[in-house]
Amino acid sequence: IDMSAYRSELGGLYGIACVLEGLCAQYKLSHGHVTIGCDGKEALWQALGANSPISPSASDFDLIAAIRRKIQRLPITTAMQWIKGHQDSASGSAHLDL
């Protein structure tokens, strides 16, 4: 398997998709909306933002395809938001992104 530098972020996004799937099933949700945030811009885009098919030879195809499949099957809508990483170590960190 060809792996990218952002595979760990993809793993986190897959975990979020699994939790959302479980919550929807547990509480029998049929509608709603959630915004998924991540500091890994490329991982976020590959998993949730790109509408084009992904090539089976692409890095992390397995994980990206699994995330997309889970998100598409959810009864709720999703949005994505890139969140700048390491905001807490920057000066003026009193205004952290929610």
PDB file of N, CA and C in Angstrom:
ATOM      1  N   ILE A   1       0.852  -1.179   0.000  1.00  0.00           N
ATOM      2  CA  ILE A   1       0.000   0.000   0.000  1.00  0.00           C
ATOM      3  C   ILE A   1       0.890   1.232   0.000  1.00  0.00           C
ATOM      4  N   ASP A   2       0.629   2.128  -0.919  1.00  0.00           N
ATOM      5  CA  ASP A   2       1.357   3.393  -0.993  1.00  0.00           C
ATOM      6  C   ASP A   2       0.738   4.344   0.017  1.00  0.00           C
ATOM      7  N   MET A   3       1.538   4.846   0.974  1.00  0.00           N
ATOM      8  CA  MET A   3       1.010   5.698   2.032  1.00  0.00           C
ATOM      9  C   MET A   3       1.547   7.116   1.907  1.00  0.00           C
ATOM     10  N   SER A   4       0.699   8.061   2.275  1.00  0.00           N
ATOM     11  CA  SER A   4       1.072   9.470   2.213  1.00  0.00           C
ATOM     12  C   SER A   4       1.479   9.964   3.590  1.00  0.00           C
ATOM     13  N   ALA A   5       1.943  11.202   3.607  1.00  0.00           N
ATOM     14  CA  ALA A   5       2.345  11.835   4.863  1.00  0.00           C
ATOM     15  C   ALA A   5       1.133  12.182   5.725  1.00  0.00           C
ATOM     16  N   TYR A   6      -0.057  12.172   5.146  1.00  0.00           N
ATOM     17  CA  TYR A   6      -1.249  12.549   5.908  1.00  0.00           C
ATOM     18  C   TYR A   6      -2.146  11.352   6.247  1.00  0.00           C
ATOM     19  N   ARG A   7      -1.590  10.165   6.229  1.00  0.00           N
ATOM     20  CA  ARG A   7      -2.383   8.976   6.546  1.00  0.00           C
ATOM     21  C   ARG A   7      -2.944   9.030   7.970  1.00  0.00           C
ATOM     22  N   SER A   8      -2.196   9.597   8.908  1.00  0.00           N
ATOM     23  CA  SER A   8      -2.700   9.667  10.283  1.00  0.00           C
ATOM     24  C   SER A   8      -3.939  10.563  10.364  1.00  0.00           C
ATOM     25  N   GLU A   9      -3.966  11.669   9.606  1.00  0.00           N
ATOM     26  CA  GLU A   9      -5.158  12.511   9.573  1.00  0.00           C
ATOM     27  C   GLU A   9      -6.329  11.767   8.953  1.00  0.00           C
ATOM     28  N   LEU A  10      -6.059  10.988   7.914  1.00  0.00           N
ATOM     29  CA  LEU A  10      -7.111  10.182   7.305  1.00  0.00           C
ATOM     30  C   LEU A  10      -7.661   9.164   8.299  1.00  0.00           C
ATOM     31  N   GLY A  11      -6.777   8.591   9.111  1.00  0.00           N
ATOM     32  CA  GLY A  11      -7.236   7.659  10.140  1.00  0.00           C
ATOM     33  C   GLY A  11      -8.189   8.329  11.125  1.00  0.00           C
ATOM     34  N   GLY A  12      -7.865   9.564  11.492  1.00  0.00           N
ATOM     35  CA  GLY A  12      -8.750  10.322  12.375  1.00  0.00           C
ATOM     36  C   GLY A  12     -10.084  10.624  11.721  1.00  0.00           C
ATOM     37  N   LEU A  13     -10.062  10.976  10.436  1.00  0.00           N
ATOM     38  CA  LEU A  13     -11.306  11.244   9.718  1.00  0.00           C
ATOM     39  C   LEU A  13     -12.148   9.982   9.585  1.00  0.00           C
ATOM     40  N   TYR A  14     -11.492   8.838   9.401  1.00  0.00           N
ATOM     41  CA  TYR A  14     -12.225   7.576   9.349  1.00  0.00           C
ATOM     42  C   TYR A  14     -12.881   7.293  10.705  1.00  0.00           C
ATOM     43  N   GLY A  15     -12.155   7.568  11.778  1.00  0.00           N
ATOM     44  CA  GLY A  15     -12.715   7.384  13.113  1.00  0.00           C
ATOM     45  C   GLY A  15     -13.931   8.269  13.332  1.00  0.00           C
ATOM     46  N   ILE A  16     -13.860   9.514  12.869  1.00  0.00           N
ATOM     47  CA  ILE A  16     -15.002  10.428  12.989  1.00  0.00           C
ATOM     48  C   ILE A  16     -16.191   9.874  12.212  1.00  0.00           C
ATOM     49  N   ALA A  17     -15.944   9.374  11.005  1.00  0.00           N
ATOM     50  CA  ALA A  17     -17.024   8.809  10.193  1.00  0.00           C
ATOM     51  C   ALA A  17     -17.659   7.604  10.892  1.00  0.00           C
ATOM     52  N   CYS A  18     -16.845   6.788  11.537  1.00  0.00           N
ATOM     53  CA  CYS A  18     -17.364   5.625  12.275  1.00  0.00           C
ATOM     54  C   CYS A  18     -18.217   6.058  13.464  1.00  0.00           C
ATOM     55  N   VAL A  19     -17.758   7.059  14.196  1.00  0.00           N
ATOM     56  CA  VAL A  19     -18.525   7.566  15.342  1.00  0.00           C
ATOM     57  C   VAL A  19     -19.852   8.148  14.864  1.00  0.00           C
ATOM     58  N   LEU A  20     -19.823   8.924  13.789  1.00  0.00           N
ATOM     59  CA  LEU A  20     -21.060   9.489  13.259  1.00  0.00           C
ATOM     60  C   LEU A  20     -22.029   8.392  12.822  1.00  0.00           C
ATOM     61  N   GLU A  21     -21.507   7.361  12.200  1.00  0.00           N
ATOM     62  CA  GLU A  21     -22.325   6.235  11.785  1.00  0.00           C
ATOM     63  C   GLU A  21     -22.988   5.585  13.005  1.00  0.00           C
ATOM     64  N   GLY A  22     -22.213   5.386  14.059  1.00  0.00           N
ATOM     65  CA  GLY A  22     -22.739   4.783  15.279  1.00  0.00           C
ATOM     66  C   GLY A  22     -23.776   5.657  15.963  1.00  0.00           C
ATOM     67  N   LEU A  23     -23.529   6.963  16.015  1.00  0.00           N
ATOM     68  CA  LEU A  23     -24.487   7.883  16.635  1.00  0.00           C
ATOM     69  C   LEU A  23     -25.799   7.924  15.863  1.00  0.00           C
ATOM     70  N   CYS A  24     -25.702   7.947  14.538  1.00  0.00           N
ATOM     71  CA  CYS A  24     -26.918   7.957  13.720  1.00  0.00           C
ATOM     72  C   CYS A  24     -27.735   6.686  13.940  1.00  0.00           C
ATOM     73  N   ALA A  25     -27.056   5.566  14.046  1.00  0.00           N
ATOM     74  CA  ALA A  25     -27.752   4.300  14.279  1.00  0.00           C
ATOM     75  C   ALA A  25     -28.335   4.246  15.691  1.00  0.00           C
ATOM     76  N   GLN A  26     -27.549   4.613  16.681  1.00  0.00           N
ATOM     77  CA  GLN A  26     -27.980   4.549  18.081  1.00  0.00           C
ATOM     78  C   GLN A  26     -29.196   5.428  18.342  1.00  0.00           C
ATOM     79  N   TYR A  27     -29.176   6.629  17.793  1.00  0.00           N
ATOM     80  CA  TYR A  27     -30.251   7.587  18.069  1.00  0.00           C
ATOM     81  C   TYR A  27     -31.247   7.701  16.913  1.00  0.00           C
ATOM     82  N   LYS A  28     -31.142   6.776  15.955  1.00  0.00           N
ATOM     83  CA  LYS A  28     -32.062   6.704  14.826  1.00  0.00           C
ATOM     84  C   LYS A  28     -32.241   8.065  14.137  1.00  0.00           C
ATOM     85  N   LEU A  29     -31.125   8.705  13.893  1.00  0.00           N
ATOM     86  CA  LEU A  29     -31.140  10.008  13.233  1.00  0.00           C
ATOM     87  C   LEU A  29     -31.467   9.836  11.756  1.00  0.00           C
ATOM     88  N   SER A  30     -32.349  10.662  11.252  1.00  0.00           N
ATOM     89  CA  SER A  30     -32.696  10.607   9.836  1.00  0.00           C
ATOM     90  C   SER A  30     -32.343  11.903   9.123  1.00  0.00           C
ATOM     91  N   HIS A  31     -31.962  12.904   9.867  1.00  0.00           N
ATOM     92  CA  HIS A  31     -31.539  14.171   9.286  1.00  0.00           C
ATOM     93  C   HIS A  31     -30.658  14.902  10.290  1.00  0.00           C
ATOM     94  N   GLY A  32     -30.000  15.924   9.827  1.00  0.00           N
ATOM     95  CA  GLY A  32     -29.106  16.707  10.664  1.00  0.00           C
ATOM     96  C   GLY A  32     -27.891  17.123   9.859  1.00  0.00           C
ATOM     97  N   HIS A  33     -26.988  17.805  10.521  1.00  0.00           N
ATOM     98  CA  HIS A  33     -25.800  18.316   9.852  1.00  0.00           C
ATOM     99  C   HIS A  33     -24.638  18.357  10.842  1.00  0.00           C
ATOM    100  N   VAL A  34     -23.452  18.066  10.357  1.00  0.00           N
ATOM    101  CA  VAL A  34     -22.245  18.152  11.163  1.00  0.00           C
ATOM    102  C   VAL A  34     -21.120  18.727  10.302  1.00  0.00           C
ATOM    103  N   THR A  35     -20.290  19.565  10.925  1.00  0.00           N
ATOM    104  CA  THR A  35     -19.100  20.083  10.265  1.00  0.00           C
ATOM    105  C   THR A  35     -17.899  19.348  10.835  1.00  0.00           C
ATOM    106  N   ILE A  36     -17.108  18.778   9.973  1.00  0.00           N
ATOM    107  CA  ILE A  36     -15.922  18.022  10.364  1.00  0.00           C
ATOM    108  C   ILE A  36     -14.704  18.904  10.128  1.00  0.00           C
ATOM    109  N   GLY A  37     -13.946  19.148  11.176  1.00  0.00           N
ATOM    110  CA  GLY A  37     -12.764  19.985  11.079  1.00  0.00           C
ATOM    111  C   GLY A  37     -11.493  19.174  11.205  1.00  0.00           C
ATOM    112  N   CYS A  38     -10.448  19.633  10.526  1.00  0.00           N
ATOM    113  CA  CYS A  38      -9.165  18.940  10.546  1.00  0.00           C
ATOM    114  C   CYS A  38      -8.075  19.938  10.183  1.00  0.00           C
ATOM    115  N   ASP A  39      -6.895  19.774  10.788  1.00  0.00           N
ATOM    116  CA  ASP A  39      -5.783  20.658  10.434  1.00  0.00           C
ATOM    117  C   ASP A  39      -4.971  20.118   9.261  1.00  0.00           C
ATOM    118  N   GLY A  40      -5.317  18.964   8.772  1.00  0.00           N
ATOM    119  CA  GLY A  40      -4.657  18.388   7.598  1.00  0.00           C
ATOM    120  C   GLY A  40      -5.454  18.730   6.349  1.00  0.00           C
ATOM    121  N   LYS A  41      -5.074  19.818   5.691  1.00  0.00           N
ATOM    122  CA  LYS A  41      -5.845  20.329   4.544  1.00  0.00           C
ATOM    123  C   LYS A  41      -5.961  19.290   3.423  1.00  0.00           C
ATOM    124  N   GLU A  42      -4.865  18.649   3.071  1.00  0.00           N
ATOM    125  CA  GLU A  42      -4.898  17.688   1.967  1.00  0.00           C
ATOM    126  C   GLU A  42      -5.733  16.462   2.326  1.00  0.00           C
ATOM    127  N   ALA A  43      -5.596  15.975   3.537  1.00  0.00           N
ATOM    128  CA  ALA A  43      -6.404  14.823   3.970  1.00  0.00           C
ATOM    129  C   ALA A  43      -7.882  15.167   3.947  1.00  0.00           C
ATOM    130  N   LEU A  44      -8.213  16.323   4.449  1.00  0.00           N
ATOM    131  CA  LEU A  44      -9.600  16.776   4.480  1.00  0.00           C
ATOM    132  C   LEU A  44     -10.149  16.868   3.059  1.00  0.00           C
ATOM    133  N   TRP A  45      -9.379  17.451   2.164  1.00  0.00           N
ATOM    134  CA  TRP A  45      -9.821  17.595   0.788  1.00  0.00           C
ATOM    135  C   TRP A  45      -9.993  16.245   0.102  1.00  0.00           C
ATOM    136  N   GLN A  46      -9.013  15.360   0.245  1.00  0.00           N
ATOM    137  CA  GLN A  46      -9.097  14.049  -0.404  1.00  0.00           C
ATOM    138  C   GLN A  46     -10.281  13.231   0.110  1.00  0.00           C
ATOM    139  N   ALA A  47     -10.510  13.285   1.411  1.00  0.00           N
ATOM    140  CA  ALA A  47     -11.553  12.453   2.005  1.00  0.00           C
ATOM    141  C   ALA A  47     -12.951  13.035   1.843  1.00  0.00           C
ATOM    142  N   LEU A  48     -13.077  14.353   1.971  1.00  0.00           N
ATOM    143  CA  LEU A  48     -14.408  14.942   2.036  1.00  0.00           C
ATOM    144  C   LEU A  48     -14.704  15.988   0.973  1.00  0.00           C
ATOM    145  N   GLY A  49     -13.685  16.560   0.365  1.00  0.00           N
ATOM    146  CA  GLY A  49     -13.919  17.671  -0.535  1.00  0.00           C
ATOM    147  C   GLY A  49     -13.919  17.332  -2.007  1.00  0.00           C
ATOM    148  N   ALA A  50     -13.154  16.349  -2.389  1.00  0.00           N
ATOM    149  CA  ALA A  50     -13.043  16.015  -3.808  1.00  0.00           C
ATOM    150  C   ALA A  50     -14.238  15.179  -4.245  1.00  0.00           C
ATOM    151  N   ASN A  51     -14.888  15.607  -5.323  1.00  0.00           N
ATOM    152  CA  ASN A  51     -16.040  14.867  -5.836  1.00  0.00           C
ATOM    153  C   ASN A  51     -15.659  13.902  -6.944  1.00  0.00           C
ATOM    154  N   SER A  52     -14.445  14.013  -7.420  1.00  0.00           N
ATOM    155  CA  SER A  52     -14.021  13.145  -8.513  1.00  0.00           C
ATOM    156  C   SER A  52     -13.620  11.777  -7.979  1.00  0.00           C
ATOM    157  N   PRO A  53     -13.761  10.766  -8.814  1.00  0.00           N
ATOM    158  CA  PRO A  53     -13.339   9.423  -8.397  1.00  0.00           C
ATOM    159  C   PRO A  53     -11.850   9.406  -8.076  1.00  0.00           C
ATOM    160  N   ILE A  54     -11.466   8.547  -7.177  1.00  0.00           N
ATOM    161  CA  ILE A  54     -10.060   8.412  -6.817  1.00  0.00           C
ATOM    162  C   ILE A  54      -9.503   7.155  -7.486  1.00  0.00           C
ATOM    163  N   SER A  55      -8.321   7.278  -7.995  1.00  0.00           N
ATOM    164  CA  SER A  55      -7.684   6.154  -8.675  1.00  0.00           C
ATOM    165  C   SER A  55      -7.258   5.103  -7.657  1.00  0.00           C
ATOM    166  N   PRO A  56      -7.491   3.835  -7.954  1.00  0.00           N
ATOM    167  CA  PRO A  56      -7.040   2.770  -7.051  1.00  0.00           C
ATOM    168  C   PRO A  56      -5.525   2.767  -6.833  1.00  0.00           C
ATOM    169  N   SER A  57      -4.778   3.427  -7.698  1.00  0.00           N
ATOM    170  CA  SER A  57      -3.326   3.484  -7.528  1.00  0.00           C
ATOM    171  C   SER A  57      -2.891   4.697  -6.698  1.00  0.00           C
ATOM    172  N   ALA A  58      -3.841   5.532  -6.290  1.00  0.00           N
ATOM    173  CA  ALA A  58      -3.517   6.728  -5.507  1.00  0.00           C
ATOM    174  C   ALA A  58      -3.068   6.353  -4.098  1.00  0.00           C
ATOM    175  N   SER A  59      -2.239   7.209  -3.515  1.00  0.00           N
ATOM    176  CA  SER A  59      -1.818   6.997  -2.123  1.00  0.00           C
ATOM    177  C   SER A  59      -3.041   6.935  -1.226  1.00  0.00           C
ATOM    178  N   ASP A  60      -3.081   5.978  -0.333  1.00  0.00           N
ATOM    179  CA  ASP A  60      -4.141   5.834   0.667  1.00  0.00           C
ATOM    180  C   ASP A  60      -5.525   5.621   0.065  1.00  0.00           C
ATOM    181  N   PHE A  61      -5.579   5.039  -1.126  1.00  0.00           N
ATOM    182  CA  PHE A  61      -6.864   4.771  -1.767  1.00  0.00           C
ATOM    183  C   PHE A  61      -7.814   4.041  -0.831  1.00  0.00           C
ATOM    184  N   ASP A  62      -7.297   3.036  -0.130  1.00  0.00           N
ATOM    185  CA  ASP A  62      -8.137   2.217   0.741  1.00  0.00           C
ATOM    186  C   ASP A  62      -8.855   3.054   1.792  1.00  0.00           C
ATOM    187  N   LEU A  63      -8.128   3.910   2.447  1.00  0.00           N
ATOM    188  CA  LEU A  63      -8.686   4.715   3.526  1.00  0.00           C
ATOM    189  C   LEU A  63      -9.583   5.833   2.998  1.00  0.00           C
ATOM    190  N   ILE A  64      -9.161   6.480   1.938  1.00  0.00           N
ATOM    191  CA  ILE A  64      -9.969   7.553   1.350  1.00  0.00           C
ATOM    192  C   ILE A  64     -11.301   6.996   0.851  1.00  0.00           C
ATOM    193  N   ALA A  65     -11.268   5.867   0.168  1.00  0.00           N
ATOM    194  CA  ALA A  65     -12.500   5.250  -0.337  1.00  0.00           C
ATOM    195  C   ALA A  65     -13.419   4.845   0.811  1.00  0.00           C
ATOM    196  N   ALA A  66     -12.856   4.312   1.881  1.00  0.00           N
ATOM    197  CA  ALA A  66     -13.668   3.901   3.034  1.00  0.00           C
ATOM    198  C   ALA A  66     -14.331   5.110   3.702  1.00  0.00           C
ATOM    199  N   ILE A  67     -13.598   6.206   3.834  1.00  0.00           N
ATOM    200  CA  ILE A  67     -14.164   7.422   4.434  1.00  0.00           C
ATOM    201  C   ILE A  67     -15.299   7.949   3.561  1.00  0.00           C
ATOM    202  N   ARG A  68     -15.038   8.078   2.282  1.00  0.00           N
ATOM    203  CA  ARG A  68     -16.063   8.589   1.365  1.00  0.00           C
ATOM    204  C   ARG A  68     -17.323   7.730   1.403  1.00  0.00           C
ATOM    205  N   ARG A  69     -17.145   6.411   1.430  1.00  0.00           N
ATOM    206  CA  ARG A  69     -18.284   5.491   1.457  1.00  0.00           C
ATOM    207  C   ARG A  69     -19.114   5.687   2.721  1.00  0.00           C
ATOM    208  N   LYS A  70     -18.452   5.763   3.871  1.00  0.00           N
ATOM    209  CA  LYS A  70     -19.164   5.960   5.144  1.00  0.00           C
ATOM    210  C   LYS A  70     -19.912   7.286   5.168  1.00  0.00           C
ATOM    211  N   ILE A  71     -19.253   8.349   4.733  1.00  0.00           N
ATOM    212  CA  ILE A  71     -19.869   9.679   4.738  1.00  0.00           C
ATOM    213  C   ILE A  71     -21.086   9.709   3.811  1.00  0.00           C
ATOM    214  N   GLN A  72     -20.968   9.102   2.644  1.00  0.00           N
ATOM    215  CA  GLN A  72     -22.080   9.090   1.681  1.00  0.00           C
ATOM    216  C   GLN A  72     -23.288   8.329   2.213  1.00  0.00           C
ATOM    217  N   ARG A  73     -23.072   7.333   3.042  1.00  0.00           N
ATOM    218  CA  ARG A  73     -24.169   6.517   3.570  1.00  0.00           C
ATOM    219  C   ARG A  73     -24.846   7.121   4.794  1.00  0.00           C
ATOM    220  N   LEU A  74     -24.274   8.181   5.341  1.00  0.00           N
ATOM    221  CA  LEU A  74     -24.872   8.792   6.531  1.00  0.00           C
ATOM    222  C   LEU A  74     -26.212   9.445   6.182  1.00  0.00           C
ATOM    223  N   PRO A  75     -27.174   9.384   7.098  1.00  0.00           N
ATOM    224  CA  PRO A  75     -28.456  10.045   6.864  1.00  0.00           C
ATOM    225  C   PRO A  75     -28.408  11.551   7.147  1.00  0.00           C
ATOM    226  N   ILE A  76     -27.266  12.046   7.564  1.00  0.00           N
ATOM    227  CA  ILE A  76     -27.079  13.462   7.856  1.00  0.00           C
ATOM    228  C   ILE A  76     -26.144  14.066   6.810  1.00  0.00           C
ATOM    229  N   THR A  77     -26.166  15.376   6.696  1.00  0.00           N
ATOM    230  CA  THR A  77     -25.263  16.042   5.767  1.00  0.00           C
ATOM    231  C   THR A  77     -23.988  16.432   6.502  1.00  0.00           C
ATOM    232  N   THR A  78     -22.921  16.575   5.750  1.00  0.00           N
ATOM    233  CA  THR A  78     -21.635  16.941   6.339  1.00  0.00           C
ATOM    234  C   THR A  78     -21.018  18.104   5.570  1.00  0.00           C
ATOM    235  N   ALA A  79     -20.213  18.851   6.268  1.00  0.00           N
ATOM    236  CA  ALA A  79     -19.394  19.903   5.665  1.00  0.00           C
ATOM    237  C   ALA A  79     -17.997  19.734   6.231  1.00  0.00           C
ATOM    238  N   MET A  80     -17.041  20.361   5.601  1.00  0.00           N
ATOM    239  CA  MET A  80     -15.667  20.269   6.091  1.00  0.00           C
ATOM    240  C   MET A  80     -15.137  21.660   6.388  1.00  0.00           C
ATOM    241  N   GLN A  81     -14.207  21.710   7.318  1.00  0.00           N
ATOM    242  CA  GLN A  81     -13.566  22.980   7.652  1.00  0.00           C
ATOM    243  C   GLN A  81     -12.114  22.719   7.994  1.00  0.00           C
ATOM    244  N   TRP A  82     -11.231  23.406   7.299  1.00  0.00           N
ATOM    245  CA  TRP A  82      -9.814  23.338   7.636  1.00  0.00           C
ATOM    246  C   TRP A  82      -9.583  24.238   8.837  1.00  0.00           C
ATOM    247  N   ILE A  83      -8.849  23.714   9.805  1.00  0.00           N
ATOM    248  CA  ILE A  83      -8.525  24.454  11.021  1.00  0.00           C
ATOM    249  C   ILE A  83      -7.013  24.555  11.110  1.00  0.00           C
ATOM    250  N   LYS A  84      -6.514  25.756  11.191  1.00  0.00           N
ATOM    251  CA  LYS A  84      -5.070  25.964  11.279  1.00  0.00           C
ATOM    252  C   LYS A  84      -4.528  25.236  12.509  1.00  0.00           C
ATOM    253  N   GLY A  85      -3.507  24.439  12.313  1.00  0.00           N
ATOM    254  CA  GLY A  85      -2.918  23.674  13.400  1.00  0.00           C
ATOM    255  C   GLY A  85      -2.004  24.497  14.291  1.00  0.00           C
ATOM    256  N   HIS A  86      -1.779  24.020  15.485  1.00  0.00           N
ATOM    257  CA  HIS A  86      -0.858  24.606  16.461  1.00  0.00           C
ATOM    258  C   HIS A  86      -1.176  26.064  16.796  1.00  0.00           C
ATOM    259  N   GLN A  87      -2.445  26.407  16.822  1.00  0.00           N
ATOM    260  CA  GLN A  87      -2.850  27.771  17.150  1.00  0.00           C
ATOM    261  C   GLN A  87      -2.502  28.135  18.592  1.00  0.00           C
ATOM    262  N   ASP A  88      -2.475  27.126  19.443  1.00  0.00           N
ATOM    263  CA  ASP A  88      -2.215  27.382  20.860  1.00  0.00           C
ATOM    264  C   ASP A  88      -0.775  27.798  21.125  1.00  0.00           C
ATOM    265  N   SER A  89       0.139  27.537  20.177  1.00  0.00           N
ATOM    266  CA  SER A  89       1.531  27.920  20.386  1.00  0.00           C
ATOM    267  C   SER A  89       1.872  29.259  19.720  1.00  0.00           C
ATOM    268  N   ALA A  90       0.910  29.845  19.023  1.00  0.00           N
ATOM    269  CA  ALA A  90       1.133  31.124  18.350  1.00  0.00           C
ATOM    270  C   ALA A  90       0.807  32.274  19.306  1.00  0.00           C
ATOM    271  N   SER A  91       1.435  33.413  19.072  1.00  0.00           N
ATOM    272  CA  SER A  91       1.095  34.571  19.890  1.00  0.00           C
ATOM    273  C   SER A  91      -0.330  34.994  19.566  1.00  0.00           C
ATOM    274  N   GLY A  92      -1.033  35.486  20.555  1.00  0.00           N
ATOM    275  CA  GLY A  92      -2.426  35.872  20.369  1.00  0.00           C
ATOM    276  C   GLY A  92      -3.351  34.678  20.322  1.00  0.00           C
ATOM    277  N   SER A  93      -2.995  33.600  21.021  1.00  0.00           N
ATOM    278  CA  SER A  93      -3.787  32.378  20.961  1.00  0.00           C
ATOM    279  C   SER A  93      -5.108  32.481  21.727  1.00  0.00           C
ATOM    280  N   ALA A  94      -5.429  33.654  22.216  1.00  0.00           N
ATOM    281  CA  ALA A  94      -6.714  33.838  22.905  1.00  0.00           C
ATOM    282  C   ALA A  94      -7.865  33.750  21.927  1.00  0.00           C
ATOM    283  N   HIS A  95      -7.569  33.844  20.629  1.00  0.00           N
ATOM    284  CA  HIS A  95      -8.614  33.811  19.605  1.00  0.00           C
ATOM    285  C   HIS A  95      -8.517  32.531  18.784  1.00  0.00           C
ATOM    286  N   LEU A  96      -8.576  31.408  19.456  1.00  0.00           N
ATOM    287  CA  LEU A  96      -8.469  30.129  18.766  1.00  0.00           C
ATOM    288  C   LEU A  96      -9.731  29.857  17.947  1.00  0.00           C
ATOM    289  N   ASP A  97      -9.545  29.189  16.824  1.00  0.00           N
ATOM    290  CA  ASP A  97     -10.652  28.764  15.999  1.00  0.00           C
ATOM    291  C   ASP A  97     -11.484  27.751  16.784  1.00  0.00           C
ATOM    292  N   LEU A  98     -12.796  27.905  16.749  1.00  0.00           N
ATOM    293  CA  LEU A  98     -13.657  26.939  17.451  1.00  0.00           C
ATOM    294  C   LEU A  98     -13.523  25.573  16.841  1.00  0.00           C
TER     295      LEU A  98
END
